[in-house]
Amino acid sequence: MPRPSEALMNEAGEWIAEQLSEEGLMVTGGFVDLVLDMEWTAIEEGVDPDARGLVVDAVMAKMVEENVQVGPPLDTLSTDGIDTSQIRPVPRGFVEQVLSWEDDFLGFAGVTRANVAG
């Protein structure tokens, strides 16, 4: 099951990060790329690309497995650094929002996960 082209996914990652930023969710392009990579890995491993809940579950499991966590926005940090009590697991809603924006992006590009994965 081939992934979309690297160029398309790079463009998707940048666009998604911009959309999330406009919604007030401050995430890095690297975080978006990580979610997309984990999503396509899960699809390659046999998760149905049209079963959104299962895709999100698979990404969340990979986040836990790799101990990916989020913290407070950088502008709220003191000069002493990160207060580790504010670091927490990635909220499921973050992953859902990334994938929702990916749906929009792929739709604009005339691509569906099922067509690429199948």
C-alpha atoms as a PDB file:
ATOM      1  CA  MET A   1       0.000   0.000   0.000  1.00  0.00           C
ATOM      2  CA  PRO A   2       1.883   3.038  -1.194  1.00  0.00           C
ATOM      3  CA  ARG A   3       1.754   6.334   0.669  1.00  0.00           C
ATOM      4  CA  PRO A   4       0.989   9.549  -1.138  1.00  0.00           C
ATOM      5  CA  SER A   5       4.080  11.119  -2.665  1.00  0.00           C
ATOM      6  CA  GLU A   6       6.555  12.744  -0.318  1.00  0.00           C
ATOM      7  CA  ALA A   7       6.016  16.094  -2.030  1.00  0.00           C
ATOM      8  CA  LEU A   8       2.247  15.872  -1.520  1.00  0.00           C
ATOM      9  CA  MET A   9       2.631  14.899   2.135  1.00  0.00           C
ATOM     10  CA  ASN A  10       5.143  17.708   2.758  1.00  0.00           C
ATOM     11  CA  GLU A  11       2.681  20.184   1.290  1.00  0.00           C
ATOM     12  CA  ALA A  12      -0.130  18.619   3.324  1.00  0.00           C
ATOM     13  CA  GLY A  13       1.877  18.882   6.545  1.00  0.00           C
ATOM     14  CA  GLU A  14       2.635  22.548   6.019  1.00  0.00           C
ATOM     15  CA  TRP A  15      -0.967  23.357   5.107  1.00  0.00           C
ATOM     16  CA  ILE A  16      -2.383  21.407   8.056  1.00  0.00           C
ATOM     17  CA  ALA A  17      -0.039  23.127  10.530  1.00  0.00           C
ATOM     18  CA  GLU A  18      -1.147  26.484   9.129  1.00  0.00           C
ATOM     19  CA  GLN A  19      -4.835  25.576   9.472  1.00  0.00           C
ATOM     20  CA  LEU A  20      -4.341  24.395  13.048  1.00  0.00           C
ATOM     21  CA  SER A  21      -2.471  27.591  13.870  1.00  0.00           C
ATOM     22  CA  GLU A  22      -5.378  29.647  12.535  1.00  0.00           C
ATOM     23  CA  GLU A  23      -7.649  27.657  14.872  1.00  0.00           C
ATOM     24  CA  GLY A  24      -5.395  28.564  17.791  1.00  0.00           C
ATOM     25  CA  LEU A  25      -3.784  25.126  18.158  1.00  0.00           C
ATOM     26  CA  MET A  26      -0.065  25.744  18.205  1.00  0.00           C
ATOM     27  CA  VAL A  27       1.675  22.650  16.881  1.00  0.00           C
ATOM     28  CA  THR A  28       4.857  22.336  14.892  1.00  0.00           C
ATOM     29  CA  GLY A  29       5.047  21.075  11.349  1.00  0.00           C
ATOM     30  CA  GLY A  30       7.154  18.269  12.786  1.00  0.00           C
ATOM     31  CA  PHE A  31       4.261  17.157  14.993  1.00  0.00           C
ATOM     32  CA  VAL A  32       1.891  17.135  12.018  1.00  0.00           C
ATOM     33  CA  ASP A  33       4.432  15.161   9.976  1.00  0.00           C
ATOM     34  CA  LEU A  34       4.758  12.665  12.838  1.00  0.00           C
ATOM     35  CA  VAL A  35       0.986  12.147  13.015  1.00  0.00           C
ATOM     36  CA  LEU A  36       0.787  11.677   9.239  1.00  0.00           C
ATOM     37  CA  ASP A  37       3.703   9.241   9.257  1.00  0.00           C
ATOM     38  CA  MET A  38       2.144   7.218  12.079  1.00  0.00           C
ATOM     39  CA  GLU A  39      -1.201   7.244  10.261  1.00  0.00           C
ATOM     40  CA  TRP A  40       0.255   5.891   7.019  1.00  0.00           C
ATOM     41  CA  THR A  41       2.336   3.335   8.925  1.00  0.00           C
ATOM     42  CA  ALA A  42      -0.872   2.085  10.563  1.00  0.00           C
ATOM     43  CA  ILE A  43      -2.581   1.878   7.165  1.00  0.00           C
ATOM     44  CA  GLU A  44       0.404  -0.037   5.762  1.00  0.00           C
ATOM     45  CA  GLU A  45       0.088  -2.398   8.732  1.00  0.00           C
ATOM     46  CA  GLY A  46      -3.513  -3.178   7.747  1.00  0.00           C
ATOM     47  CA  VAL A  47      -5.709  -0.606   9.487  1.00  0.00           C
ATOM     48  CA  ASP A  48      -8.684   0.244   7.264  1.00  0.00           C
ATOM     49  CA  PRO A  49      -8.006   3.762   5.925  1.00  0.00           C
ATOM     50  CA  ASP A  50     -11.739   4.551   6.010  1.00  0.00           C
ATOM     51  CA  ALA A  51     -12.162   3.521   9.676  1.00  0.00           C
ATOM     52  CA  ARG A  52     -11.277   6.883  11.241  1.00  0.00           C
ATOM     53  CA  GLY A  53     -11.642   5.680  14.839  1.00  0.00           C
ATOM     54  CA  LEU A  54      -9.304   2.745  14.227  1.00  0.00           C
ATOM     55  CA  VAL A  55      -6.750   4.974  12.500  1.00  0.00           C
ATOM     56  CA  VAL A  56      -6.825   7.409  15.432  1.00  0.00           C
ATOM     57  CA  ASP A  57      -6.543   4.493  17.891  1.00  0.00           C
ATOM     58  CA  ALA A  58      -3.493   3.191  16.013  1.00  0.00           C
ATOM     59  CA  VAL A  59      -1.825   6.618  15.968  1.00  0.00           C
ATOM     60  CA  MET A  60      -2.554   7.113  19.672  1.00  0.00           C
ATOM     61  CA  ALA A  61      -1.033   3.699  20.450  1.00  0.00           C
ATOM     62  CA  LYS A  62       2.098   4.632  18.496  1.00  0.00           C
ATOM     63  CA  MET A  63       2.270   7.960  20.374  1.00  0.00           C
ATOM     64  CA  VAL A  64       2.179   6.104  23.703  1.00  0.00           C
ATOM     65  CA  GLU A  65       4.683   3.505  22.479  1.00  0.00           C
ATOM     66  CA  GLU A  66       7.135   6.243  21.447  1.00  0.00           C
ATOM     67  CA  ASN A  67       6.360   8.385  24.529  1.00  0.00           C
ATOM     68  CA  VAL A  68       5.357  11.417  22.463  1.00  0.00           C
ATOM     69  CA  GLN A  69       4.115  14.153  24.767  1.00  0.00           C
ATOM     70  CA  VAL A  70       3.057  17.782  24.545  1.00  0.00           C
ATOM     71  CA  GLY A  71       3.713  20.725  26.772  1.00  0.00           C
ATOM     72  CA  PRO A  72       2.568  24.281  27.213  1.00  0.00           C
ATOM     73  CA  PRO A  73       3.056  26.907  24.501  1.00  0.00           C
ATOM     74  CA  LEU A  74       6.622  28.229  24.492  1.00  0.00           C
ATOM     75  CA  ASP A  75       5.513  31.788  25.233  1.00  0.00           C
ATOM     76  CA  THR A  76       4.089  30.639  28.584  1.00  0.00           C
ATOM     77  CA  LEU A  77       7.366  29.184  29.806  1.00  0.00           C
ATOM     78  CA  SER A  78       9.498  30.954  32.349  1.00  0.00           C
ATOM     79  CA  THR A  79      13.159  31.615  31.746  1.00  0.00           C
ATOM     80  CA  ASP A  80      13.825  28.640  34.022  1.00  0.00           C
ATOM     81  CA  GLY A  81      12.591  26.271  31.323  1.00  0.00           C
ATOM     82  CA  ILE A  82       9.763  23.780  31.078  1.00  0.00           C
ATOM     83  CA  ASP A  83       7.651  22.950  34.085  1.00  0.00           C
ATOM     84  CA  THR A  84       7.539  19.174  33.571  1.00  0.00           C
ATOM     85  CA  SER A  85       4.250  18.963  35.463  1.00  0.00           C
ATOM     86  CA  GLN A  86       2.648  20.540  32.377  1.00  0.00           C
ATOM     87  CA  ILE A  87       3.941  17.893  29.965  1.00  0.00           C
ATOM     88  CA  ARG A  88       1.255  15.348  29.127  1.00  0.00           C
ATOM     89  CA  PRO A  89       0.323  12.709  26.559  1.00  0.00           C
ATOM     90  CA  VAL A  90      -0.907  13.936  23.192  1.00  0.00           C
ATOM     91  CA  PRO A  91      -4.653  14.574  23.392  1.00  0.00           C
ATOM     92  CA  ARG A  92      -6.728  12.417  21.064  1.00  0.00           C
ATOM     93  CA  GLY A  93      -8.355  15.580  19.726  1.00  0.00           C
ATOM     94  CA  PHE A  94      -5.013  16.798  18.353  1.00  0.00           C
ATOM     95  CA  VAL A  95      -4.684  13.646  16.228  1.00  0.00           C
ATOM     96  CA  GLU A  96      -8.330  13.855  15.140  1.00  0.00           C
ATOM     97  CA  GLN A  97      -7.886  17.482  14.053  1.00  0.00           C
ATOM     98  CA  VAL A  98      -4.747  16.692  12.041  1.00  0.00           C
ATOM     99  CA  LEU A  99      -6.519  13.850  10.241  1.00  0.00           C
ATOM    100  CA  SER A 100      -9.616  15.961   9.645  1.00  0.00           C
ATOM    101  CA  TRP A 101      -7.547  18.668   7.986  1.00  0.00           C
ATOM    102  CA  GLU A 102      -5.712  15.968   6.027  1.00  0.00           C
ATOM    103  CA  ASP A 103      -9.111  14.814   4.704  1.00  0.00           C
ATOM    104  CA  ASP A 104      -9.746  18.339   3.444  1.00  0.00           C
ATOM    105  CA  PHE A 105      -6.289  18.628   1.900  1.00  0.00           C
ATOM    106  CA  LEU A 106      -6.499  15.248   0.161  1.00  0.00           C
ATOM    107  CA  GLY A 107      -9.997  16.123  -1.055  1.00  0.00           C
ATOM    108  CA  PHE A 108      -8.696  19.342  -2.619  1.00  0.00           C
ATOM    109  CA  ALA A 109      -5.944  17.247  -4.257  1.00  0.00           C
ATOM    110  CA  GLY A 110      -8.507  14.715  -5.531  1.00  0.00           C
ATOM    111  CA  VAL A 111      -7.005  11.907  -3.430  1.00  0.00           C
ATOM    112  CA  THR A 112      -8.574   9.603  -0.842  1.00  0.00           C
ATOM    113  CA  ARG A 113      -6.785   7.394   1.645  1.00  0.00           C
ATOM    114  CA  ALA A 114      -8.567   4.324   0.302  1.00  0.00           C
ATOM    115  CA  ASN A 115      -7.485   5.070  -3.281  1.00  0.00           C
ATOM    116  CA  VAL A 116      -3.871   5.554  -2.258  1.00  0.00           C
ATOM    117  CA  ALA A 117      -3.829   2.611   0.144  1.00  0.00           C
ATOM    118  CA  GLY A 118      -5.741   0.245  -2.103  1.00  0.00           C
END
